[in-house]
Amino acid sequence: MMQFTQDGIKSFKGLTIAILQVLVQGMEKALQTVVDELDSQLSHPGPGWESVGKKERRLQTLFGLTLVISRRGYRRRDWRDDGNSSGLYFPLDEALGLPPEERFCPLVQHLGVTLATNVS
């Protein structure tokens, strides 16, 4: 519980920040639950693919929250390393529209582009 003490909340601004922190923590748990459930519902890509287990991916979200996604990965059985790609396929990334190696969620990118185009 938040307390108005010398070490706690001292102003309305402090109260607002404390509430936002609680909300962000709840949002992190909810996002993680939904993403984990979606990953478990996505099907295997089909014949010719082998599982490589779960791989972690970190995404910087709005409010400075870093979401760690552990998602299933697959590789073609006949894949050969040509040095240009990892050869891995992540159904969850595709379902969420996340390009490979992207570190920011689409909402952060959208907000950044919108703010950048509104500044002279």
PDB file of N, CA and C in Angstrom:
ATOM      1  N   MET A   1       0.841  -1.183   0.000  1.00  0.00           N
ATOM      2  CA  MET A   1       0.000   0.000   0.000  1.00  0.00           C
ATOM      3  C   MET A   1       0.883   1.241   0.000  1.00  0.00           C
ATOM      4  N   MET A   2       0.473   2.241  -0.746  1.00  0.00           N
ATOM      5  CA  MET A   2       1.221   3.497  -0.808  1.00  0.00           C
ATOM      6  C   MET A   2       1.007   4.280   0.485  1.00  0.00           C
ATOM      7  N   GLN A   3       2.080   4.895   0.961  1.00  0.00           N
ATOM      8  CA  GLN A   3       1.984   5.646   2.200  1.00  0.00           C
ATOM      9  C   GLN A   3       2.494   7.061   2.008  1.00  0.00           C
ATOM     10  N   PHE A   4       1.823   7.992   2.660  1.00  0.00           N
ATOM     11  CA  PHE A   4       2.286   9.365   2.673  1.00  0.00           C
ATOM     12  C   PHE A   4       3.207   9.532   3.873  1.00  0.00           C
ATOM     13  N   THR A   5       4.454   9.159   3.680  1.00  0.00           N
ATOM     14  CA  THR A   5       5.444   9.280   4.745  1.00  0.00           C
ATOM     15  C   THR A   5       6.633  10.040   4.211  1.00  0.00           C
ATOM     16  N   GLN A   6       7.622  10.218   5.073  1.00  0.00           N
ATOM     17  CA  GLN A   6       8.830  10.903   4.651  1.00  0.00           C
ATOM     18  C   GLN A   6       9.540  10.141   3.536  1.00  0.00           C
ATOM     19  N   ASP A   7       9.489   8.822   3.571  1.00  0.00           N
ATOM     20  CA  ASP A   7      10.140   8.010   2.556  1.00  0.00           C
ATOM     21  C   ASP A   7       9.204   7.656   1.400  1.00  0.00           C
ATOM     22  N   GLY A   8       7.932   8.008   1.510  1.00  0.00           N
ATOM     23  CA  GLY A   8       6.951   7.611   0.503  1.00  0.00           C
ATOM     24  C   GLY A   8       6.530   8.779  -0.375  1.00  0.00           C
ATOM     25  N   ILE A   9       5.252   8.820  -0.693  1.00  0.00           N
ATOM     26  CA  ILE A   9       4.689   9.815  -1.597  1.00  0.00           C
ATOM     27  C   ILE A   9       4.570  11.149  -0.879  1.00  0.00           C
ATOM     28  N   LYS A  10       5.106  12.197  -1.541  1.00  0.00           N
ATOM     29  CA  LYS A  10       5.123  13.513  -0.905  1.00  0.00           C
ATOM     30  C   LYS A  10       4.291  14.546  -1.657  1.00  0.00           C
ATOM     31  N   SER A  11       3.771  14.171  -2.837  1.00  0.00           N
ATOM     32  CA  SER A  11       3.029  15.140  -3.634  1.00  0.00           C
ATOM     33  C   SER A  11       2.047  14.422  -4.551  1.00  0.00           C
ATOM     34  N   PHE A  12       1.214  15.213  -5.214  1.00  0.00           N
ATOM     35  CA  PHE A  12       0.285  14.638  -6.174  1.00  0.00           C
ATOM     36  C   PHE A  12       1.055  14.007  -7.334  1.00  0.00           C
ATOM     37  N   LYS A  13       2.139  14.640  -7.733  1.00  0.00           N
ATOM     38  CA  LYS A  13       2.984  14.082  -8.789  1.00  0.00           C
ATOM     39  C   LYS A  13       3.521  12.710  -8.351  1.00  0.00           C
ATOM     40  N   GLY A  14       3.996  12.610  -7.125  1.00  0.00           N
ATOM     41  CA  GLY A  14       4.495  11.345  -6.598  1.00  0.00           C
ATOM     42  C   GLY A  14       3.407  10.282  -6.546  1.00  0.00           C
ATOM     43  N   LEU A  15       2.189  10.700  -6.175  1.00  0.00           N
ATOM     44  CA  LEU A  15       1.059   9.785  -6.142  1.00  0.00           C
ATOM     45  C   LEU A  15       0.752   9.259  -7.543  1.00  0.00           C
ATOM     46  N   THR A  16       0.745  10.152  -8.521  1.00  0.00           N
ATOM     47  CA  THR A  16       0.469   9.765  -9.906  1.00  0.00           C
ATOM     48  C   THR A  16       1.529   8.798 -10.416  1.00  0.00           C
ATOM     49  N   ILE A  17       2.782   9.059 -10.132  1.00  0.00           N
ATOM     50  CA  ILE A  17       3.870   8.174 -10.570  1.00  0.00           C
ATOM     51  C   ILE A  17       3.740   6.810  -9.900  1.00  0.00           C
ATOM     52  N   ALA A  18       3.416   6.792  -8.608  1.00  0.00           N
ATOM     53  CA  ALA A  18       3.256   5.517  -7.897  1.00  0.00           C
ATOM     54  C   ALA A  18       2.112   4.696  -8.494  1.00  0.00           C
ATOM     55  N   ILE A  19       1.008   5.356  -8.826  1.00  0.00           N
ATOM     56  CA  ILE A  19      -0.129   4.655  -9.433  1.00  0.00           C
ATOM     57  C   ILE A  19       0.260   4.116 -10.809  1.00  0.00           C
ATOM     58  N   LEU A  20       0.962   4.911 -11.598  1.00  0.00           N
ATOM     59  CA  LEU A  20       1.415   4.445 -12.915  1.00  0.00           C
ATOM     60  C   LEU A  20       2.329   3.228 -12.794  1.00  0.00           C
ATOM     61  N   GLN A  21       3.190   3.222 -11.796  1.00  0.00           N
ATOM     62  CA  GLN A  21       4.084   2.076 -11.601  1.00  0.00           C
ATOM     63  C   GLN A  21       3.292   0.810 -11.285  1.00  0.00           C
ATOM     64  N   VAL A  22       2.272   0.928 -10.463  1.00  0.00           N
ATOM     65  CA  VAL A  22       1.425  -0.227 -10.134  1.00  0.00           C
ATOM     66  C   VAL A  22       0.689  -0.702 -11.392  1.00  0.00           C
ATOM     67  N   LEU A  23       0.154   0.234 -12.167  1.00  0.00           N
ATOM     68  CA  LEU A  23      -0.559  -0.126 -13.389  1.00  0.00           C
ATOM     69  C   LEU A  23       0.362  -0.795 -14.408  1.00  0.00           C
ATOM     70  N   VAL A  24       1.574  -0.282 -14.551  1.00  0.00           N
ATOM     71  CA  VAL A  24       2.533  -0.854 -15.501  1.00  0.00           C
ATOM     72  C   VAL A  24       2.903  -2.274 -15.082  1.00  0.00           C
ATOM     73  N   GLN A  25       3.072  -2.510 -13.792  1.00  0.00           N
ATOM     74  CA  GLN A  25       3.379  -3.869 -13.323  1.00  0.00           C
ATOM     75  C   GLN A  25       2.229  -4.823 -13.640  1.00  0.00           C
ATOM     76  N   GLY A  26       1.005  -4.367 -13.464  1.00  0.00           N
ATOM     77  CA  GLY A  26      -0.161  -5.184 -13.799  1.00  0.00           C
ATOM     78  C   GLY A  26      -0.249  -5.422 -15.302  1.00  0.00           C
ATOM     79  N   MET A  27       0.076  -4.385 -16.073  1.00  0.00           N
ATOM     80  CA  MET A  27       0.059  -4.510 -17.526  1.00  0.00           C
ATOM     81  C   MET A  27       1.125  -5.498 -17.998  1.00  0.00           C
ATOM     82  N   GLU A  28       2.284  -5.479 -17.362  1.00  0.00           N
ATOM     83  CA  GLU A  28       3.358  -6.404 -17.722  1.00  0.00           C
ATOM     84  C   GLU A  28       2.903  -7.853 -17.522  1.00  0.00           C
ATOM     85  N   LYS A  29       2.277  -8.130 -16.378  1.00  0.00           N
ATOM     86  CA  LYS A  29       1.791  -9.484 -16.097  1.00  0.00           C
ATOM     87  C   LYS A  29       0.713  -9.904 -17.103  1.00  0.00           C
ATOM     88  N   ALA A  30      -0.208  -8.989 -17.404  1.00  0.00           N
ATOM     89  CA  ALA A  30      -1.286  -9.290 -18.347  1.00  0.00           C
ATOM     90  C   ALA A  30      -0.735  -9.534 -19.753  1.00  0.00           C
ATOM     91  N   LEU A  31       0.182  -8.687 -20.195  1.00  0.00           N
ATOM     92  CA  LEU A  31       0.803  -8.861 -21.510  1.00  0.00           C
ATOM     93  C   LEU A  31       1.521 -10.193 -21.606  1.00  0.00           C
ATOM     94  N   GLN A  32       2.278 -10.537 -20.576  1.00  0.00           N
ATOM     95  CA  GLN A  32       3.021 -11.785 -20.566  1.00  0.00           C
ATOM     96  C   GLN A  32       2.080 -12.983 -20.638  1.00  0.00           C
ATOM     97  N   THR A  33       0.996 -12.931 -19.898  1.00  0.00           N
ATOM     98  CA  THR A  33       0.014 -14.015 -19.908  1.00  0.00           C
ATOM     99  C   THR A  33      -0.611 -14.180 -21.288  1.00  0.00           C
ATOM    100  N   VAL A  34      -1.021 -13.082 -21.906  1.00  0.00           N
ATOM    101  CA  VAL A  34      -1.657 -13.127 -23.218  1.00  0.00           C
ATOM    102  C   VAL A  34      -0.679 -13.619 -24.278  1.00  0.00           C
ATOM    103  N   VAL A  35       0.551 -13.129 -24.256  1.00  0.00           N
ATOM    104  CA  VAL A  35       1.558 -13.540 -25.241  1.00  0.00           C
ATOM    105  C   VAL A  35       1.890 -15.022 -25.082  1.00  0.00           C
ATOM    106  N   ASP A  36       2.042 -15.495 -23.845  1.00  0.00           N
ATOM    107  CA  ASP A  36       2.319 -16.913 -23.606  1.00  0.00           C
ATOM    108  C   ASP A  36       1.175 -17.784 -24.124  1.00  0.00           C
ATOM    109  N   GLU A  37      -0.049 -17.363 -23.887  1.00  0.00           N
ATOM    110  CA  GLU A  37      -1.215 -18.128 -24.349  1.00  0.00           C
ATOM    111  C   GLU A  37      -1.278 -18.144 -25.875  1.00  0.00           C
ATOM    112  N   LEU A  38      -1.033 -17.019 -26.494  1.00  0.00           N
ATOM    113  CA  LEU A  38      -1.039 -16.952 -27.956  1.00  0.00           C
ATOM    114  C   LEU A  38       0.033 -17.867 -28.541  1.00  0.00           C
ATOM    115  N   ASP A  39       1.218 -17.856 -27.956  1.00  0.00           N
ATOM    116  CA  ASP A  39       2.303 -18.717 -28.439  1.00  0.00           C
ATOM    117  C   ASP A  39       1.915 -20.188 -28.338  1.00  0.00           C
ATOM    118  N   SER A  40       1.236 -20.566 -27.262  1.00  0.00           N
ATOM    119  CA  SER A  40       0.850 -21.969 -27.094  1.00  0.00           C
ATOM    120  C   SER A  40      -0.260 -22.373 -28.071  1.00  0.00           C
ATOM    121  N   GLN A  41      -1.069 -21.415 -28.543  1.00  0.00           N
ATOM    122  CA  GLN A  41      -2.155 -21.713 -29.467  1.00  0.00           C
ATOM    123  C   GLN A  41      -1.689 -21.805 -30.925  1.00  0.00           C
ATOM    124  N   LEU A  42      -0.564 -21.176 -31.234  1.00  0.00           N
ATOM    125  CA  LEU A  42      -0.082 -21.193 -32.612  1.00  0.00           C
ATOM    126  C   LEU A  42       0.426 -22.583 -32.968  1.00  0.00           C
ATOM    127  N   SER A  43       0.101 -23.026 -34.165  1.00  0.00           N
ATOM    128  CA  SER A  43       0.435 -24.391 -34.539  1.00  0.00           C
ATOM    129  C   SER A  43       1.841 -24.497 -35.133  1.00  0.00           C
ATOM    130  N   HIS A  44       2.324 -25.706 -35.141  1.00  0.00           N
ATOM    131  CA  HIS A  44       3.599 -26.061 -35.762  1.00  0.00           C
ATOM    132  C   HIS A  44       3.513 -25.696 -37.238  1.00  0.00           C
ATOM    133  N   PRO A  45       4.580 -25.166 -37.844  1.00  0.00           N
ATOM    134  CA  PRO A  45       4.504 -24.741 -39.250  1.00  0.00           C
ATOM    135  C   PRO A  45       4.273 -25.870 -40.249  1.00  0.00           C
ATOM    136  N   GLY A  46       4.445 -27.123 -39.851  1.00  0.00           N
ATOM    137  CA  GLY A  46       4.149 -28.232 -40.753  1.00  0.00           C
ATOM    138  C   GLY A  46       5.347 -29.114 -41.033  1.00  0.00           C
ATOM    139  N   PRO A  47       5.184 -30.020 -42.004  1.00  0.00           N
ATOM    140  CA  PRO A  47       6.268 -30.944 -42.326  1.00  0.00           C
ATOM    141  C   PRO A  47       7.507 -30.201 -42.815  1.00  0.00           C
ATOM    142  N   GLY A  48       8.656 -30.756 -42.518  1.00  0.00           N
ATOM    143  CA  GLY A  48       9.907 -30.147 -42.952  1.00  0.00           C
ATOM    144  C   GLY A  48      10.498 -29.172 -41.958  1.00  0.00           C
ATOM    145  N   TRP A  49       9.801 -28.923 -40.866  1.00  0.00           N
ATOM    146  CA  TRP A  49      10.277 -27.998 -39.846  1.00  0.00           C
ATOM    147  C   TRP A  49      10.568 -28.770 -38.566  1.00  0.00           C
ATOM    148  N   GLU A  50      11.625 -28.370 -37.865  1.00  0.00           N
ATOM    149  CA  GLU A  50      11.939 -28.974 -36.576  1.00  0.00           C
ATOM    150  C   GLU A  50      11.985 -27.899 -35.503  1.00  0.00           C
ATOM    151  N   SER A  51      11.579 -28.267 -34.317  1.00  0.00           N
ATOM    152  CA  SER A  51      11.575 -27.321 -33.204  1.00  0.00           C
ATOM    153  C   SER A  51      12.997 -27.087 -32.712  1.00  0.00           C
ATOM    154  N   VAL A  52      13.303 -25.824 -32.404  1.00  0.00           N
ATOM    155  CA  VAL A  52      14.589 -25.489 -31.792  1.00  0.00           C
ATOM    156  C   VAL A  52      14.381 -25.052 -30.345  1.00  0.00           C
ATOM    157  N   GLY A  53      13.163 -25.280 -29.837  1.00  0.00           N
ATOM    158  CA  GLY A  53      12.847 -24.901 -28.466  1.00  0.00           C
ATOM    159  C   GLY A  53      12.391 -23.459 -28.388  1.00  0.00           C
ATOM    160  N   LYS A  54      12.384 -22.953 -27.183  1.00  0.00           N
ATOM    161  CA  LYS A  54      11.949 -21.567 -26.972  1.00  0.00           C
ATOM    162  C   LYS A  54      13.160 -20.634 -26.948  1.00  0.00           C
ATOM    163  N   LYS A  55      12.990 -19.493 -27.543  1.00  0.00           N
ATOM    164  CA  LYS A  55      14.017 -18.450 -27.560  1.00  0.00           C
ATOM    165  C   LYS A  55      13.404 -17.181 -26.980  1.00  0.00           C
ATOM    166  N   GLU A  56      14.218 -16.426 -26.250  1.00  0.00           N
ATOM    167  CA  GLU A  56      13.738 -15.174 -25.667  1.00  0.00           C
ATOM    168  C   GLU A  56      13.935 -14.016 -26.631  1.00  0.00           C
ATOM    169  N   ARG A  57      13.016 -13.082 -26.532  1.00  0.00           N
ATOM    170  CA  ARG A  57      13.103 -11.831 -27.284  1.00  0.00           C
ATOM    171  C   ARG A  57      12.671 -10.722 -26.341  1.00  0.00           C
ATOM    172  N   ARG A  58      13.390  -9.619 -26.365  1.00  0.00           N
ATOM    173  CA  ARG A  58      13.063  -8.474 -25.507  1.00  0.00           C
ATOM    174  C   ARG A  58      12.510  -7.344 -26.365  1.00  0.00           C
ATOM    175  N   LEU A  59      11.400  -6.783 -25.910  1.00  0.00           N
ATOM    176  CA  LEU A  59      10.780  -5.654 -26.591  1.00  0.00           C
ATOM    177  C   LEU A  59      10.600  -4.506 -25.613  1.00  0.00           C
ATOM    178  N   GLN A  60      11.040  -3.338 -26.025  1.00  0.00           N
ATOM    179  CA  GLN A  60      10.832  -2.136 -25.219  1.00  0.00           C
ATOM    180  C   GLN A  60       9.443  -1.614 -25.557  1.00  0.00           C
ATOM    181  N   THR A  61       8.580  -1.526 -24.545  1.00  0.00           N
ATOM    182  CA  THR A  61       7.209  -1.089 -24.763  1.00  0.00           C
ATOM    183  C   THR A  61       7.023   0.329 -24.239  1.00  0.00           C
ATOM    184  N   LEU A  62       5.827   0.836 -24.454  1.00  0.00           N
ATOM    185  CA  LEU A  62       5.484   2.150 -23.944  1.00  0.00           C
ATOM    186  C   LEU A  62       5.629   2.150 -22.420  1.00  0.00           C
ATOM    187  N   PHE A  63       5.891   3.266 -21.819  1.00  0.00           N
ATOM    188  CA  PHE A  63       6.100   3.437 -20.384  1.00  0.00           C
ATOM    189  C   PHE A  63       7.417   2.842 -19.915  1.00  0.00           C
ATOM    190  N   GLY A  64       8.339   2.517 -20.844  1.00  0.00           N
ATOM    191  CA  GLY A  64       9.651   2.013 -20.463  1.00  0.00           C
ATOM    192  C   GLY A  64       9.668   0.572 -20.002  1.00  0.00           C
ATOM    193  N   LEU A  65       8.588  -0.133 -20.202  1.00  0.00           N
ATOM    194  CA  LEU A  65       8.482  -1.529 -19.801  1.00  0.00           C
ATOM    195  C   LEU A  65       9.201  -2.409 -20.809  1.00  0.00           C
ATOM    196  N   THR A  66      10.091  -3.276 -20.338  1.00  0.00           N
ATOM    197  CA  THR A  66      10.749  -4.240 -21.208  1.00  0.00           C
ATOM    198  C   THR A  66      10.040  -5.572 -21.046  1.00  0.00           C
ATOM    199  N   LEU A  67       9.426  -6.023 -22.123  1.00  0.00           N
ATOM    200  CA  LEU A  67       8.705  -7.289 -22.122  1.00  0.00           C
ATOM    201  C   LEU A  67       9.629  -8.374 -22.647  1.00  0.00           C
ATOM    202  N   VAL A  68       9.792  -9.440 -21.874  1.00  0.00           N
ATOM    203  CA  VAL A  68      10.602 -10.581 -22.296  1.00  0.00           C
ATOM    204  C   VAL A  68       9.647 -11.662 -22.778  1.00  0.00           C
ATOM    205  N   ILE A  69       9.732 -11.959 -24.076  1.00  0.00           N
ATOM    206  CA  ILE A  69       8.862 -12.956 -24.686  1.00  0.00           C
ATOM    207  C   ILE A  69       9.667 -14.224 -24.905  1.00  0.00           C
ATOM    208  N   SER A  70       9.163 -15.326 -24.410  1.00  0.00           N
ATOM    209  CA  SER A  70       9.770 -16.628 -24.661  1.00  0.00           C
ATOM    210  C   SER A  70       8.851 -17.344 -25.640  1.00  0.00           C
ATOM    211  N   ARG A  71       9.321 -17.493 -26.889  1.00  0.00           N
ATOM    212  CA  ARG A  71       8.447 -18.044 -27.908  1.00  0.00           C
ATOM    213  C   ARG A  71       9.091 -19.228 -28.615  1.00  0.00           C
ATOM    214  N   ARG A  72       8.237 -20.089 -29.189  1.00  0.00           N
ATOM    215  CA  ARG A  72       8.701 -21.281 -29.877  1.00  0.00           C
ATOM    216  C   ARG A  72       9.352 -20.909 -31.203  1.00  0.00           C
ATOM    217  N   GLY A  73      10.458 -21.582 -31.493  1.00  0.00           N
ATOM    218  CA  GLY A  73      11.152 -21.361 -32.754  1.00  0.00           C
ATOM    219  C   GLY A  73      11.269 -22.652 -33.550  1.00  0.00           C
ATOM    220  N   TYR A  74      11.332 -22.503 -34.861  1.00  0.00           N
ATOM    221  CA  TYR A  74      11.439 -23.654 -35.750  1.00  0.00           C
ATOM    222  C   TYR A  74      12.492 -23.370 -36.817  1.00  0.00           C
ATOM    223  N   ARG A  75      13.099 -24.445 -37.328  1.00  0.00           N
ATOM    224  CA  ARG A  75      14.077 -24.343 -38.405  1.00  0.00           C
ATOM    225  C   ARG A  75      13.753 -25.422 -39.432  1.00  0.00           C
ATOM    226  N   ARG A  76      13.910 -25.087 -40.705  1.00  0.00           N
ATOM    227  CA  ARG A  76      13.717 -26.098 -41.759  1.00  0.00           C
ATOM    228  C   ARG A  76      14.764 -27.185 -41.582  1.00  0.00           C
ATOM    229  N   ARG A  77      14.348 -28.417 -41.737  1.00  0.00           N
ATOM    230  CA  ARG A  77      15.279 -29.546 -41.576  1.00  0.00           C
ATOM    231  C   ARG A  77      16.405 -29.500 -42.602  1.00  0.00           C
ATOM    232  N   ASP A  78      16.129 -28.978 -43.789  1.00  0.00           N
ATOM    233  CA  ASP A  78      17.140 -28.947 -44.851  1.00  0.00           C
ATOM    234  C   ASP A  78      17.878 -27.600 -44.929  1.00  0.00           C
ATOM    235  N   TRP A  79      17.742 -26.767 -43.888  1.00  0.00           N
ATOM    236  CA  TRP A  79      18.340 -25.432 -43.901  1.00  0.00           C
ATOM    237  C   TRP A  79      19.863 -25.508 -43.855  1.00  0.00           C
ATOM    238  N   ARG A  80      20.502 -24.684 -44.665  1.00  0.00           N
ATOM    239  CA  ARG A  80      21.962 -24.560 -44.678  1.00  0.00           C
ATOM    240  C   ARG A  80      22.340 -23.119 -44.388  1.00  0.00           C
ATOM    241  N   ASP A  81      23.333 -22.933 -43.556  1.00  0.00           N
ATOM    242  CA  ASP A  81      23.772 -21.590 -43.166  1.00  0.00           C
ATOM    243  C   ASP A  81      24.483 -20.922 -44.333  1.00  0.00           C
ATOM    244  N   ASP A  82      23.828 -19.895 -44.909  1.00  0.00           N
ATOM    245  CA  ASP A  82      24.446 -19.142 -46.001  1.00  0.00           C
ATOM    246  C   ASP A  82      25.025 -17.819 -45.510  1.00  0.00           C
ATOM    247  N   GLY A  83      24.956 -17.610 -44.200  1.00  0.00           N
ATOM    248  CA  GLY A  83      25.501 -16.385 -43.609  1.00  0.00           C
ATOM    249  C   GLY A  83      24.583 -15.185 -43.694  1.00  0.00           C
ATOM    250  N   ASN A  84      23.440 -15.294 -44.390  1.00  0.00           N
ATOM    251  CA  ASN A  84      22.543 -14.156 -44.576  1.00  0.00           C
ATOM    252  C   ASN A  84      21.345 -14.153 -43.641  1.00  0.00           C
ATOM    253  N   SER A  85      20.996 -15.298 -43.087  1.00  0.00           N
ATOM    254  CA  SER A  85      19.840 -15.348 -42.200  1.00  0.00           C
ATOM    255  C   SER A  85      20.023 -16.445 -41.161  1.00  0.00           C
ATOM    256  N   SER A  86      19.201 -16.387 -40.134  1.00  0.00           N
ATOM    257  CA  SER A  86      19.300 -17.379 -39.071  1.00  0.00           C
ATOM    258  C   SER A  86      18.600 -18.671 -39.450  1.00  0.00           C
ATOM    259  N   GLY A  87      17.719 -18.608 -40.440  1.00  0.00           N
ATOM    260  CA  GLY A  87      16.967 -19.788 -40.814  1.00  0.00           C
ATOM    261  C   GLY A  87      15.876 -20.152 -39.825  1.00  0.00           C
ATOM    262  N   LEU A  88      15.641 -19.313 -38.850  1.00  0.00           N
ATOM    263  CA  LEU A  88      14.639 -19.586 -37.823  1.00  0.00           C
ATOM    264  C   LEU A  88      13.306 -18.942 -38.176  1.00  0.00           C
ATOM    265  N   TYR A  89      12.236 -19.589 -37.729  1.00  0.00           N
ATOM    266  CA  TYR A  89      10.887 -19.086 -37.937  1.00  0.00           C
ATOM    267  C   TYR A  89      10.185 -19.078 -36.588  1.00  0.00           C
ATOM    268  N   PHE A  90       9.600 -17.943 -36.245  1.00  0.00           N
ATOM    269  CA  PHE A  90       8.879 -17.789 -34.985  1.00  0.00           C
ATOM    270  C   PHE A  90       7.428 -17.412 -35.298  1.00  0.00           C
ATOM    271  N   PRO A  91       6.492 -18.356 -35.191  1.00  0.00           N
ATOM    272  CA  PRO A  91       5.094 -18.059 -35.496  1.00  0.00           C
ATOM    273  C   PRO A  91       4.517 -16.887 -34.692  1.00  0.00           C
ATOM    274  N   LEU A  92       4.943 -16.752 -33.440  1.00  0.00           N
ATOM    275  CA  LEU A  92       4.422 -15.657 -32.616  1.00  0.00           C
ATOM    276  C   LEU A  92       4.857 -14.308 -33.183  1.00  0.00           C
ATOM    277  N   ASP A  93       6.113 -14.198 -33.602  1.00  0.00           N
ATOM    278  CA  ASP A  93       6.590 -12.948 -34.198  1.00  0.00           C
ATOM    279  C   ASP A  93       5.750 -12.583 -35.412  1.00  0.00           C
ATOM    280  N   GLU A  94       5.469 -13.587 -36.251  1.00  0.00           N
ATOM    281  CA  GLU A  94       4.661 -13.340 -37.447  1.00  0.00           C
ATOM    282  C   GLU A  94       3.246 -12.920 -37.073  1.00  0.00           C
ATOM    283  N   ALA A  95       2.642 -13.608 -36.099  1.00  0.00           N
ATOM    284  CA  ALA A  95       1.280 -13.296 -35.678  1.00  0.00           C
ATOM    285  C   ALA A  95       1.172 -11.874 -35.117  1.00  0.00           C
ATOM    286  N   LEU A  96       2.227 -11.411 -34.452  1.00  0.00           N
ATOM    287  CA  LEU A  96       2.225 -10.066 -33.861  1.00  0.00           C
ATOM    288  C   LEU A  96       2.777  -9.009 -34.805  1.00  0.00           C
ATOM    289  N   GLY A  97       3.246  -9.428 -35.984  1.00  0.00           N
ATOM    290  CA  GLY A  97       3.795  -8.472 -36.953  1.00  0.00           C
ATOM    291  C   GLY A  97       5.117  -7.870 -36.525  1.00  0.00           C
ATOM    292  N   LEU A  98       5.942  -8.649 -35.830  1.00  0.00           N
ATOM    293  CA  LEU A  98       7.231  -8.153 -35.347  1.00  0.00           C
ATOM    294  C   LEU A  98       8.353  -8.553 -36.304  1.00  0.00           C
ATOM    295  N   PRO A  99       9.006  -7.576 -36.927  1.00  0.00           N
ATOM    296  CA  PRO A  99      10.126  -7.901 -37.811  1.00  0.00           C
ATOM    297  C   PRO A  99      11.295  -8.491 -37.015  1.00  0.00           C
ATOM    298  N   PRO A 100      12.118  -9.326 -37.663  1.00  0.00           N
ATOM    299  CA  PRO A 100      13.293  -9.878 -36.973  1.00  0.00           C
ATOM    300  C   PRO A 100      14.199  -8.764 -36.445  1.00  0.00           C
ATOM    301  N   GLU A 101      14.776  -8.995 -35.300  1.00  0.00           N
ATOM    302  CA  GLU A 101      15.745  -8.085 -34.673  1.00  0.00           C
ATOM    303  C   GLU A 101      15.163  -6.764 -34.193  1.00  0.00           C
ATOM    304  N   GLU A 102      13.861  -6.527 -34.349  1.00  0.00           N
ATOM    305  CA  GLU A 102      13.259  -5.283 -33.875  1.00  0.00           C
ATOM    306  C   GLU A 102      13.217  -5.310 -32.361  1.00  0.00           C
ATOM    307  N   ARG A 103      13.611  -4.198 -31.735  1.00  0.00           N
ATOM    308  CA  ARG A 103      13.680  -4.161 -30.269  1.00  0.00           C
ATOM    309  C   ARG A 103      12.604  -3.292 -29.625  1.00  0.00           C
ATOM    310  N   PHE A 104      11.849  -2.572 -30.437  1.00  0.00           N
ATOM    311  CA  PHE A 104      10.803  -1.712 -29.902  1.00  0.00           C
ATOM    312  C   PHE A 104       9.447  -2.185 -30.405  1.00  0.00           C
ATOM    313  N   CYS A 105       8.446  -2.116 -29.534  1.00  0.00           N
ATOM    314  CA  CYS A 105       7.113  -2.526 -29.956  1.00  0.00           C
ATOM    315  C   CYS A 105       6.593  -1.514 -30.977  1.00  0.00           C
ATOM    316  N   PRO A 106       5.672  -1.932 -31.840  1.00  0.00           N
ATOM    317  CA  PRO A 106       5.159  -1.038 -32.890  1.00  0.00           C
ATOM    318  C   PRO A 106       4.563   0.258 -32.353  1.00  0.00           C
ATOM    319  N   LEU A 107       3.967   0.232 -31.165  1.00  0.00           N
ATOM    320  CA  LEU A 107       3.380   1.448 -30.602  1.00  0.00           C
ATOM    321  C   LEU A 107       4.458   2.482 -30.270  1.00  0.00           C
ATOM    322  N   VAL A 108       5.594   2.049 -29.771  1.00  0.00           N
ATOM    323  CA  VAL A 108       6.707   2.964 -29.481  1.00  0.00           C
ATOM    324  C   VAL A 108       7.200   3.578 -30.782  1.00  0.00           C
ATOM    325  N   GLN A 109       7.340   2.762 -31.834  1.00  0.00           N
ATOM    326  CA  GLN A 109       7.786   3.268 -33.134  1.00  0.00           C
ATOM    327  C   GLN A 109       6.791   4.288 -33.685  1.00  0.00           C
ATOM    328  N   HIS A 110       5.516   3.965 -33.610  1.00  0.00           N
ATOM    329  CA  HIS A 110       4.481   4.867 -34.116  1.00  0.00           C
ATOM    330  C   HIS A 110       4.526   6.212 -33.386  1.00  0.00           C
ATOM    331  N   LEU A 111       4.625   6.153 -32.068  1.00  0.00           N
ATOM    332  CA  LEU A 111       4.682   7.377 -31.273  1.00  0.00           C
ATOM    333  C   LEU A 111       5.928   8.194 -31.618  1.00  0.00           C
ATOM    334  N   GLY A 112       7.076   7.511 -31.767  1.00  0.00           N
ATOM    335  CA  GLY A 112       8.316   8.201 -32.128  1.00  0.00           C
ATOM    336  C   GLY A 112       8.223   8.888 -33.474  1.00  0.00           C
ATOM    337  N   VAL A 113       7.680   8.206 -34.452  1.00  0.00           N
ATOM    338  CA  VAL A 113       7.534   8.787 -35.798  1.00  0.00           C
ATOM    339  C   VAL A 113       6.562   9.954 -35.764  1.00  0.00           C
ATOM    340  N   THR A 114       5.449   9.781 -35.048  1.00  0.00           N
ATOM    341  CA  THR A 114       4.451  10.863 -34.944  1.00  0.00           C
ATOM    342  C   THR A 114       5.054  12.098 -34.292  1.00  0.00           C
ATOM    343  N   LEU A 115       5.776  11.920 -33.207  1.00  0.00           N
ATOM    344  CA  LEU A 115       6.387  13.068 -32.533  1.00  0.00           C
ATOM    345  C   LEU A 115       7.463  13.704 -33.415  1.00  0.00           C
ATOM    346  N   ALA A 116       8.259  12.889 -34.096  1.00  0.00           N
ATOM    347  CA  ALA A 116       9.322  13.427 -34.947  1.00  0.00           C
ATOM    348  C   ALA A 116       8.780  14.234 -36.118  1.00  0.00           C
ATOM    349  N   THR A 117       7.648  13.819 -36.660  1.00  0.00           N
ATOM    350  CA  THR A 117       7.080  14.546 -37.818  1.00  0.00           C
ATOM    351  C   THR A 117       6.336  15.798 -37.404  1.00  0.00           C
ATOM    352  N   ASN A 118       6.042  15.956 -36.120  1.00  0.00           N
ATOM    353  CA  ASN A 118       5.348  17.150 -35.646  1.00  0.00           C
ATOM    354  C   ASN A 118       6.290  18.220 -35.135  1.00  0.00           C
ATOM    355  N   VAL A 119       7.578  17.967 -35.176  1.00  0.00           N
ATOM    356  CA  VAL A 119       8.557  18.946 -34.707  1.00  0.00           C
ATOM    357  C   VAL A 119       9.222  19.611 -35.917  1.00  0.00           C
ATOM    358  N   SER A 120       9.290  20.920 -35.875  1.00  0.00           N
ATOM    359  CA  SER A 120       9.907  21.628 -37.012  1.00  0.00           C
ATOM    360  C   SER A 120      11.419  21.601 -36.910  1.00  0.00           C
TER     361      SER A 120
END
